[in-house]
Structure formats: C-alpha cells, structure tokens
Amino acid sequence: MLRFLSLNIMSKRFKQKIPKQFKLDLHGVKHADVEVLVENFIFKYQEDLPIKIVTGNSNAMKKIVINVLNKHNFSYLDGDFYNRGYIDVLN
C-alpha cells in the first residue's frame, strides 16, 4: 500500500504539462517551395516560440531557411553538436 501511494505521488509530481513545440519537417520538400512554407510556418506560430524547423543535413536547405529568418529578424540556433539537421527559431 505504501509503495503504491509513493508511486502515485511521484507520477503526479512528474506529470507537469510540457508545452508542445511545433515542428516543420522539410524532408522531401523542393528547395523552390521552402521560402513560402517557412514564412507561413513562422508567422502562424510566432506566438508559440520556440519552434523547430527540420532541414536535414542539406546546406542549401539550411541557407534558404536562415535567409528567411534573417529577412524577418527572427533569432535562431542552428542544431547542436550531435544533430545539425534542424534550426530552433527563438524569437
């Protein structure tokens, strides 16, 4: 009985709501379509930042996304040490 109560308390403690991070996955999208898709996505979810844009490892795709973000004055982080295939849009 005591074990059940302690597990129940622990599970409630760790069931805090984590805000959903919206994600745009550009795998399989043609480079010509990326600019419009990214602009629509960042403006649709600009109140829900940070958001994630998955680019894969294509440098051309990243360059297009970064140009759009710079054009609209959004700050971003380009992946991390282990996974360079995404961009986090911060504000």
PDB file of N, CA and C in Angstrom:
ATOM      1  N   MET A   1       0.823  -1.195   0.000  1.00  0.00           N
ATOM      2  CA  MET A   1       0.000   0.000   0.000  1.00  0.00           C
ATOM      3  C   MET A   1       0.863   1.253   0.000  1.00  0.00           C
ATOM      4  N   LEU A   2       1.884   1.266   0.846  1.00  0.00           N
ATOM      5  CA  LEU A   2       2.760   2.431   0.919  1.00  0.00           C
ATOM      6  C   LEU A   2       3.501   2.642  -0.391  1.00  0.00           C
ATOM      7  N   ARG A   3       3.935   1.550  -0.988  1.00  0.00           N
ATOM      8  CA  ARG A   3       4.644   1.667  -2.265  1.00  0.00           C
ATOM      9  C   ARG A   3       3.733   2.258  -3.343  1.00  0.00           C
ATOM     10  N   PHE A   4       2.504   1.803  -3.397  1.00  0.00           N
ATOM     11  CA  PHE A   4       1.555   2.331  -4.372  1.00  0.00           C
ATOM     12  C   PHE A   4       1.343   3.825  -4.180  1.00  0.00           C
ATOM     13  N   LEU A   5       1.198   4.262  -2.933  1.00  0.00           N
ATOM     14  CA  LEU A   5       0.998   5.683  -2.657  1.00  0.00           C
ATOM     15  C   LEU A   5       2.204   6.509  -3.074  1.00  0.00           C
ATOM     16  N   SER A   6       3.405   6.014  -2.806  1.00  0.00           N
ATOM     17  CA  SER A   6       4.595   6.779  -3.177  1.00  0.00           C
ATOM     18  C   SER A   6       4.743   6.856  -4.689  1.00  0.00           C
ATOM     19  N   LEU A   7       4.417   5.790  -5.409  1.00  0.00           N
ATOM     20  CA  LEU A   7       4.467   5.830  -6.872  1.00  0.00           C
ATOM     21  C   LEU A   7       3.419   6.783  -7.427  1.00  0.00           C
ATOM     22  N   ASN A   8       2.240   6.782  -6.816  1.00  0.00           N
ATOM     23  CA  ASN A   8       1.178   7.663  -7.257  1.00  0.00           C
ATOM     24  C   ASN A   8       1.574   9.129  -7.066  1.00  0.00           C
ATOM     25  N   ILE A   9       2.174   9.453  -5.943  1.00  0.00           N
ATOM     26  CA  ILE A   9       2.612  10.819  -5.682  1.00  0.00           C
ATOM     27  C   ILE A   9       3.709  11.209  -6.662  1.00  0.00           C
ATOM     28  N   MET A  10       4.653  10.304  -6.900  1.00  0.00           N
ATOM     29  CA  MET A  10       5.752  10.594  -7.820  1.00  0.00           C
ATOM     30  C   MET A  10       5.237  10.802  -9.246  1.00  0.00           C
ATOM     31  N   SER A  11       4.279   9.989  -9.659  1.00  0.00           N
ATOM     32  CA  SER A  11       3.781  10.134 -11.018  1.00  0.00           C
ATOM     33  C   SER A  11       3.047  11.454 -11.195  1.00  0.00           C
ATOM     34  N   LYS A  12       2.325  11.891 -10.185  1.00  0.00           N
ATOM     35  CA  LYS A  12       1.664  13.190 -10.265  1.00  0.00           C
ATOM     36  C   LYS A  12       2.688  14.317 -10.300  1.00  0.00           C
ATOM     37  N   ARG A  13       3.750  14.154  -9.570  1.00  0.00           N
ATOM     38  CA  ARG A  13       4.778  15.184  -9.492  1.00  0.00           C
ATOM     39  C   ARG A  13       5.444  15.412 -10.841  1.00  0.00           C
ATOM     40  N   PHE A  14       5.650  14.344 -11.602  1.00  0.00           N
ATOM     41  CA  PHE A  14       6.360  14.457 -12.866  1.00  0.00           C
ATOM     42  C   PHE A  14       5.441  14.575 -14.083  1.00  0.00           C
ATOM     43  N   LYS A  15       4.156  14.682 -13.863  1.00  0.00           N
ATOM     44  CA  LYS A  15       3.223  14.829 -14.979  1.00  0.00           C
ATOM     45  C   LYS A  15       2.886  16.293 -15.227  1.00  0.00           C
ATOM     46  N   GLN A  16       3.870  17.144 -15.103  1.00  0.00           N
ATOM     47  CA  GLN A  16       3.634  18.549 -15.383  1.00  0.00           C
ATOM     48  C   GLN A  16       3.482  18.739 -16.889  1.00  0.00           C
ATOM     49  N   LYS A  17       2.693  19.706 -17.255  1.00  0.00           N
ATOM     50  CA  LYS A  17       2.468  19.978 -18.672  1.00  0.00           C
ATOM     51  C   LYS A  17       3.724  20.589 -19.288  1.00  0.00           C
ATOM     52  N   ILE A  18       4.203  19.956 -20.316  1.00  0.00           N
ATOM     53  CA  ILE A  18       5.320  20.498 -21.082  1.00  0.00           C
ATOM     54  C   ILE A  18       4.727  21.091 -22.344  1.00  0.00           C
ATOM     55  N   PRO A  19       4.977  22.376 -22.591  1.00  0.00           N
ATOM     56  CA  PRO A  19       4.376  22.987 -23.767  1.00  0.00           C
ATOM     57  C   PRO A  19       4.856  22.299 -25.051  1.00  0.00           C
ATOM     58  N   LYS A  20       3.929  22.106 -25.969  1.00  0.00           N
ATOM     59  CA  LYS A  20       4.252  21.447 -27.225  1.00  0.00           C
ATOM     60  C   LYS A  20       5.082  22.381 -28.091  1.00  0.00           C
ATOM     61  N   GLN A  21       6.145  21.844 -28.683  1.00  0.00           N
ATOM     62  CA  GLN A  21       6.947  22.620 -29.602  1.00  0.00           C
ATOM     63  C   GLN A  21       6.516  22.245 -31.020  1.00  0.00           C
ATOM     64  N   PHE A  22       6.077  23.241 -31.768  1.00  0.00           N
ATOM     65  CA  PHE A  22       5.631  22.993 -33.129  1.00  0.00           C
ATOM     66  C   PHE A  22       6.843  22.770 -34.027  1.00  0.00           C
ATOM     67  N   LYS A  23       6.671  21.869 -35.010  1.00  0.00           N
ATOM     68  CA  LYS A  23       7.788  21.466 -35.846  1.00  0.00           C
ATOM     69  C   LYS A  23       7.373  21.457 -37.314  1.00  0.00           C
ATOM     70  N   LEU A  24       8.247  21.993 -38.163  1.00  0.00           N
ATOM     71  CA  LEU A  24       8.073  21.932 -39.615  1.00  0.00           C
ATOM     72  C   LEU A  24       9.168  21.030 -40.155  1.00  0.00           C
ATOM     73  N   ASP A  25       8.790  19.927 -40.797  1.00  0.00           N
ATOM     74  CA  ASP A  25       9.759  18.983 -41.349  1.00  0.00           C
ATOM     75  C   ASP A  25       9.867  19.212 -42.852  1.00  0.00           C
ATOM     76  N   LEU A  26      11.057  19.595 -43.303  1.00  0.00           N
ATOM     77  CA  LEU A  26      11.270  19.922 -44.711  1.00  0.00           C
ATOM     78  C   LEU A  26      11.866  18.770 -45.512  1.00  0.00           C
ATOM     79  N   HIS A  27      11.924  17.580 -44.933  1.00  0.00           N
ATOM     80  CA  HIS A  27      12.407  16.432 -45.700  1.00  0.00           C
ATOM     81  C   HIS A  27      11.477  16.194 -46.886  1.00  0.00           C
ATOM     82  N   GLY A  28      12.058  16.077 -48.063  1.00  0.00           N
ATOM     83  CA  GLY A  28      11.279  15.800 -49.266  1.00  0.00           C
ATOM     84  C   GLY A  28      10.657  17.022 -49.918  1.00  0.00           C
ATOM     85  N   VAL A  29      10.861  18.210 -49.344  1.00  0.00           N
ATOM     86  CA  VAL A  29      10.306  19.439 -49.917  1.00  0.00           C
ATOM     87  C   VAL A  29      11.310  20.010 -50.911  1.00  0.00           C
ATOM     88  N   LYS A  30      10.818  20.471 -52.053  1.00  0.00           N
ATOM     89  CA  LYS A  30      11.693  21.070 -53.065  1.00  0.00           C
ATOM     90  C   LYS A  30      12.192  22.427 -52.572  1.00  0.00           C
ATOM     91  N   HIS A  31      13.432  22.738 -52.925  1.00  0.00           N
ATOM     92  CA  HIS A  31      14.033  23.991 -52.482  1.00  0.00           C
ATOM     93  C   HIS A  31      13.222  25.208 -52.911  1.00  0.00           C
ATOM     94  N   ALA A  32      12.581  25.124 -54.045  1.00  0.00           N
ATOM     95  CA  ALA A  32      11.793  26.248 -54.548  1.00  0.00           C
ATOM     96  C   ALA A  32      10.580  26.547 -53.667  1.00  0.00           C
ATOM     97  N   ASP A  33      10.094  25.559 -52.931  1.00  0.00           N
ATOM     98  CA  ASP A  33       8.901  25.735 -52.103  1.00  0.00           C
ATOM     99  C   ASP A  33       9.215  26.114 -50.659  1.00  0.00           C
ATOM    100  N   VAL A  34      10.476  26.056 -50.277  1.00  0.00           N
ATOM    101  CA  VAL A  34      10.854  26.204 -48.876  1.00  0.00           C
ATOM    102  C   VAL A  34      10.568  27.599 -48.332  1.00  0.00           C
ATOM    103  N   GLU A  35      10.892  28.635 -49.074  1.00  0.00           N
ATOM    104  CA  GLU A  35      10.751  30.001 -48.566  1.00  0.00           C
ATOM    105  C   GLU A  35       9.308  30.299 -48.148  1.00  0.00           C
ATOM    106  N   VAL A  36       8.358  29.952 -48.995  1.00  0.00           N
ATOM    107  CA  VAL A  36       6.947  30.212 -48.690  1.00  0.00           C
ATOM    108  C   VAL A  36       6.491  29.375 -47.496  1.00  0.00           C
ATOM    109  N   LEU A  37       6.879  28.103 -47.453  1.00  0.00           N
ATOM    110  CA  LEU A  37       6.490  27.238 -46.340  1.00  0.00           C
ATOM    111  C   LEU A  37       7.033  27.751 -45.005  1.00  0.00           C
ATOM    112  N   VAL A  38       8.292  28.166 -44.998  1.00  0.00           N
ATOM    113  CA  VAL A  38       8.909  28.647 -43.761  1.00  0.00           C
ATOM    114  C   VAL A  38       8.253  29.947 -43.311  1.00  0.00           C
ATOM    115  N   GLU A  39       8.023  30.874 -44.243  1.00  0.00           N
ATOM    116  CA  GLU A  39       7.361  32.134 -43.878  1.00  0.00           C
ATOM    117  C   GLU A  39       5.983  31.885 -43.283  1.00  0.00           C
ATOM    118  N   ASN A  40       5.196  31.033 -43.922  1.00  0.00           N
ATOM    119  CA  ASN A  40       3.862  30.721 -43.396  1.00  0.00           C
ATOM    120  C   ASN A  40       3.939  30.089 -42.010  1.00  0.00           C
ATOM    121  N   PHE A  41       4.882  29.183 -41.825  1.00  0.00           N
ATOM    122  CA  PHE A  41       5.027  28.484 -40.551  1.00  0.00           C
ATOM    123  C   PHE A  41       5.459  29.420 -39.428  1.00  0.00           C
ATOM    124  N   ILE A  42       6.462  30.250 -39.669  1.00  0.00           N
ATOM    125  CA  ILE A  42       6.950  31.115 -38.587  1.00  0.00           C
ATOM    126  C   ILE A  42       5.928  32.170 -38.202  1.00  0.00           C
ATOM    127  N   PHE A  43       5.153  32.659 -39.161  1.00  0.00           N
ATOM    128  CA  PHE A  43       4.141  33.660 -38.818  1.00  0.00           C
ATOM    129  C   PHE A  43       2.914  33.024 -38.168  1.00  0.00           C
ATOM    130  N   LYS A  44       2.606  31.790 -38.545  1.00  0.00           N
ATOM    131  CA  LYS A  44       1.472  31.101 -37.934  1.00  0.00           C
ATOM    132  C   LYS A  44       1.739  30.808 -36.457  1.00  0.00           C
ATOM    133  N   TYR A  45       2.993  30.427 -36.129  1.00  0.00           N
ATOM    134  CA  TYR A  45       3.325  30.017 -34.769  1.00  0.00           C
ATOM    135  C   TYR A  45       4.249  31.000 -34.052  1.00  0.00           C
ATOM    136  N   GLN A  46       4.263  32.251 -34.462  1.00  0.00           N
ATOM    137  CA  GLN A  46       5.167  33.217 -33.839  1.00  0.00           C
ATOM    138  C   GLN A  46       4.827  33.496 -32.382  1.00  0.00           C
ATOM    139  N   GLU A  47       3.608  33.227 -31.975  1.00  0.00           N
ATOM    140  CA  GLU A  47       3.227  33.400 -30.573  1.00  0.00           C
ATOM    141  C   GLU A  47       3.590  32.173 -29.732  1.00  0.00           C
ATOM    142  N   ASP A  48       4.004  31.087 -30.378  1.00  0.00           N
ATOM    143  CA  ASP A  48       4.298  29.831 -29.685  1.00  0.00           C
ATOM    144  C   ASP A  48       5.789  29.475 -29.724  1.00  0.00           C
ATOM    145  N   LEU A  49       6.651  30.471 -29.861  1.00  0.00           N
ATOM    146  CA  LEU A  49       8.084  30.222 -29.941  1.00  0.00           C
ATOM    147  C   LEU A  49       8.603  29.672 -28.629  1.00  0.00           C
ATOM    148  N   PRO A  50       9.611  28.829 -28.647  1.00  0.00           N
ATOM    149  CA  PRO A  50      10.425  28.421 -29.782  1.00  0.00           C
ATOM    150  C   PRO A  50       9.736  27.342 -30.623  1.00  0.00           C
ATOM    151  N   ILE A  51      10.063  27.341 -31.898  1.00  0.00           N
ATOM    152  CA  ILE A  51       9.581  26.333 -32.832  1.00  0.00           C
ATOM    153  C   ILE A  51      10.789  25.691 -33.501  1.00  0.00           C
ATOM    154  N   LYS A  52      10.577  24.541 -34.107  1.00  0.00           N
ATOM    155  CA  LYS A  52      11.679  23.795 -34.708  1.00  0.00           C
ATOM    156  C   LYS A  52      11.414  23.592 -36.188  1.00  0.00           C
ATOM    157  N   ILE A  53      12.457  23.816 -36.999  1.00  0.00           N
ATOM    158  CA  ILE A  53      12.392  23.553 -38.432  1.00  0.00           C
ATOM    159  C   ILE A  53      13.434  22.490 -38.739  1.00  0.00           C
ATOM    160  N   VAL A  54      12.977  21.326 -39.181  1.00  0.00           N
ATOM    161  CA  VAL A  54      13.867  20.214 -39.506  1.00  0.00           C
ATOM    162  C   VAL A  54      14.285  20.357 -40.965  1.00  0.00           C
ATOM    163  N   THR A  55      15.592  20.535 -41.179  1.00  0.00           N
ATOM    164  CA  THR A  55      16.116  20.759 -42.525  1.00  0.00           C
ATOM    165  C   THR A  55      16.839  19.544 -43.082  1.00  0.00           C
ATOM    166  N   GLY A  56      17.199  18.607 -42.226  1.00  0.00           N
ATOM    167  CA  GLY A  56      18.099  17.554 -42.661  1.00  0.00           C
ATOM    168  C   GLY A  56      19.501  18.138 -42.764  1.00  0.00           C
ATOM    169  N   ASN A  57      20.392  17.434 -43.405  1.00  0.00           N
ATOM    170  CA  ASN A  57      21.778  17.893 -43.481  1.00  0.00           C
ATOM    171  C   ASN A  57      22.089  18.688 -44.745  1.00  0.00           C
ATOM    172  N   SER A  58      21.076  19.105 -45.466  1.00  0.00           N
ATOM    173  CA  SER A  58      21.269  19.876 -46.693  1.00  0.00           C
ATOM    174  C   SER A  58      21.680  21.308 -46.355  1.00  0.00           C
ATOM    175  N   ASN A  59      22.891  21.671 -46.753  1.00  0.00           N
ATOM    176  CA  ASN A  59      23.349  23.043 -46.524  1.00  0.00           C
ATOM    177  C   ASN A  59      22.538  24.053 -47.321  1.00  0.00           C
ATOM    178  N   ALA A  60      22.092  23.664 -48.511  1.00  0.00           N
ATOM    179  CA  ALA A  60      21.270  24.560 -49.326  1.00  0.00           C
ATOM    180  C   ALA A  60      19.935  24.844 -48.634  1.00  0.00           C
ATOM    181  N   MET A  61      19.331  23.813 -48.050  1.00  0.00           N
ATOM    182  CA  MET A  61      18.057  23.967 -47.347  1.00  0.00           C
ATOM    183  C   MET A  61      18.236  24.868 -46.124  1.00  0.00           C
ATOM    184  N   LYS A  62      19.310  24.644 -45.370  1.00  0.00           N
ATOM    185  CA  LYS A  62      19.577  25.478 -44.206  1.00  0.00           C
ATOM    186  C   LYS A  62      19.778  26.937 -44.598  1.00  0.00           C
ATOM    187  N   LYS A  63      20.493  27.152 -45.688  1.00  0.00           N
ATOM    188  CA  LYS A  63      20.767  28.517 -46.139  1.00  0.00           C
ATOM    189  C   LYS A  63      19.468  29.246 -46.496  1.00  0.00           C
ATOM    190  N   ILE A  64      18.554  28.563 -47.157  1.00  0.00           N
ATOM    191  CA  ILE A  64      17.264  29.165 -47.509  1.00  0.00           C
ATOM    192  C   ILE A  64      16.487  29.522 -46.253  1.00  0.00           C
ATOM    193  N   VAL A  65      16.423  28.588 -45.298  1.00  0.00           N
ATOM    194  CA  VAL A  65      15.685  28.822 -44.046  1.00  0.00           C
ATOM    195  C   VAL A  65      16.303  29.982 -43.272  1.00  0.00           C
ATOM    196  N   ILE A  66      17.613  29.995 -43.151  1.00  0.00           N
ATOM    197  CA  ILE A  66      18.295  31.067 -42.414  1.00  0.00           C
ATOM    198  C   ILE A  66      18.090  32.414 -43.086  1.00  0.00           C
ATOM    199  N   ASN A  67      18.085  32.454 -44.408  1.00  0.00           N
ATOM    200  CA  ASN A  67      17.824  33.715 -45.124  1.00  0.00           C
ATOM    201  C   ASN A  67      16.425  34.248 -44.810  1.00  0.00           C
ATOM    202  N   VAL A  68      15.442  33.355 -44.759  1.00  0.00           N
ATOM    203  CA  VAL A  68      14.072  33.768 -44.425  1.00  0.00           C
ATOM    204  C   VAL A  68      14.019  34.298 -42.990  1.00  0.00           C
ATOM    205  N   LEU A  69      14.670  33.598 -42.069  1.00  0.00           N
ATOM    206  CA  LEU A  69      14.660  34.033 -40.668  1.00  0.00           C
ATOM    207  C   LEU A  69      15.359  35.381 -40.498  1.00  0.00           C
ATOM    208  N   ASN A  70      16.468  35.570 -41.184  1.00  0.00           N
ATOM    209  CA  ASN A  70      17.166  36.859 -41.123  1.00  0.00           C
ATOM    210  C   ASN A  70      16.344  37.977 -41.749  1.00  0.00           C
ATOM    211  N   LYS A  71      15.658  37.661 -42.839  1.00  0.00           N
ATOM    212  CA  LYS A  71      14.823  38.655 -43.533  1.00  0.00           C
ATOM    213  C   LYS A  71      13.729  39.195 -42.619  1.00  0.00           C
ATOM    214  N   HIS A  72      13.215  38.346 -41.734  1.00  0.00           N
ATOM    215  CA  HIS A  72      12.127  38.743 -40.842  1.00  0.00           C
ATOM    216  C   HIS A  72      12.598  38.969 -39.401  1.00  0.00           C
ATOM    217  N   ASN A  73      13.902  39.073 -39.212  1.00  0.00           N
ATOM    218  CA  ASN A  73      14.523  39.397 -37.913  1.00  0.00           C
ATOM    219  C   ASN A  73      14.178  38.408 -36.798  1.00  0.00           C
ATOM    220  N   PHE A  74      14.153  37.124 -37.112  1.00  0.00           N
ATOM    221  CA  PHE A  74      13.986  36.088 -36.097  1.00  0.00           C
ATOM    222  C   PHE A  74      15.370  35.601 -35.676  1.00  0.00           C
ATOM    223  N   SER A  75      15.554  35.364 -34.386  1.00  0.00           N
ATOM    224  CA  SER A  75      16.805  34.758 -33.940  1.00  0.00           C
ATOM    225  C   SER A  75      16.632  33.245 -33.926  1.00  0.00           C
ATOM    226  N   TYR A  76      17.746  32.535 -34.051  1.00  0.00           N
ATOM    227  CA  TYR A  76      17.678  31.085 -34.208  1.00  0.00           C
ATOM    228  C   TYR A  76      18.954  30.436 -33.710  1.00  0.00           C
ATOM    229  N   LEU A  77      18.875  29.143 -33.471  1.00  0.00           N
ATOM    230  CA  LEU A  77      20.033  28.302 -33.182  1.00  0.00           C
ATOM    231  C   LEU A  77      20.094  27.209 -34.233  1.00  0.00           C
ATOM    232  N   ASP A  78      21.279  26.988 -34.770  1.00  0.00           N
ATOM    233  CA  ASP A  78      21.462  26.023 -35.848  1.00  0.00           C
ATOM    234  C   ASP A  78      21.888  24.673 -35.292  1.00  0.00           C
ATOM    235  N   GLY A  79      20.914  23.830 -34.912  1.00  0.00           N
ATOM    236  CA  GLY A  79      21.184  22.481 -34.445  1.00  0.00           C
ATOM    237  C   GLY A  79      22.005  22.435 -33.175  1.00  0.00           C
ATOM    238  N   ASP A  80      22.609  21.284 -32.929  1.00  0.00           N
ATOM    239  CA  ASP A  80      23.505  21.121 -31.796  1.00  0.00           C
ATOM    240  C   ASP A  80      24.694  20.276 -32.232  1.00  0.00           C
ATOM    241  N   PHE A  81      25.552  19.942 -31.295  1.00  0.00           N
ATOM    242  CA  PHE A  81      26.788  19.223 -31.615  1.00  0.00           C
ATOM    243  C   PHE A  81      26.522  17.859 -32.250  1.00  0.00           C
ATOM    244  N   TYR A  82      25.484  17.184 -31.809  1.00  0.00           N
ATOM    245  CA  TYR A  82      25.212  15.828 -32.270  1.00  0.00           C
ATOM    246  C   TYR A  82      24.256  15.772 -33.457  1.00  0.00           C
ATOM    247  N   ASN A  83      23.427  16.785 -33.609  1.00  0.00           N
ATOM    248  CA  ASN A  83      22.421  16.787 -34.683  1.00  0.00           C
ATOM    249  C   ASN A  83      22.374  18.178 -35.299  1.00  0.00           C
ATOM    250  N   ARG A  84      22.920  18.317 -36.477  1.00  0.00           N
ATOM    251  CA  ARG A  84      22.951  19.610 -37.155  1.00  0.00           C
ATOM    252  C   ARG A  84      21.778  19.774 -38.124  1.00  0.00           C
ATOM    253  N   GLY A  85      20.835  18.856 -38.129  1.00  0.00           N
ATOM    254  CA  GLY A  85      19.780  18.838 -39.123  1.00  0.00           C
ATOM    255  C   GLY A  85      18.510  19.581 -38.759  1.00  0.00           C
ATOM    256  N   TYR A  86      18.596  20.560 -37.865  1.00  0.00           N
ATOM    257  CA  TYR A  86      17.398  21.339 -37.519  1.00  0.00           C
ATOM    258  C   TYR A  86      17.806  22.749 -37.112  1.00  0.00           C
ATOM    259  N   ILE A  87      16.829  23.623 -37.090  1.00  0.00           N
ATOM    260  CA  ILE A  87      17.019  25.014 -36.655  1.00  0.00           C
ATOM    261  C   ILE A  87      15.913  25.332 -35.664  1.00  0.00           C
ATOM    262  N   ASP A  88      16.286  25.823 -34.483  1.00  0.00           N
ATOM    263  CA  ASP A  88      15.316  26.285 -33.491  1.00  0.00           C
ATOM    264  C   ASP A  88      15.122  27.783 -33.674  1.00  0.00           C
ATOM    265  N   VAL A  89      13.884  28.194 -33.905  1.00  0.00           N
ATOM    266  CA  VAL A  89      13.542  29.618 -34.033  1.00  0.00           C
ATOM    267  C   VAL A  89      13.172  30.111 -32.639  1.00  0.00           C
ATOM    268  N   LEU A  90      13.904  31.111 -32.161  1.00  0.00           N
ATOM    269  CA  LEU A  90      13.781  31.530 -30.773  1.00  0.00           C
ATOM    270  C   LEU A  90      12.820  32.684 -30.576  1.00  0.00           C
ATOM    271  N   ASN A  91      12.971  33.758 -31.312  1.00  0.00           N
ATOM    272  CA  ASN A  91      12.068  34.913 -31.181  1.00  0.00           C
ATOM    273  C   ASN A  91      12.154  35.811 -32.377  1.00  0.00           C
TER     274      ASN A  91
END
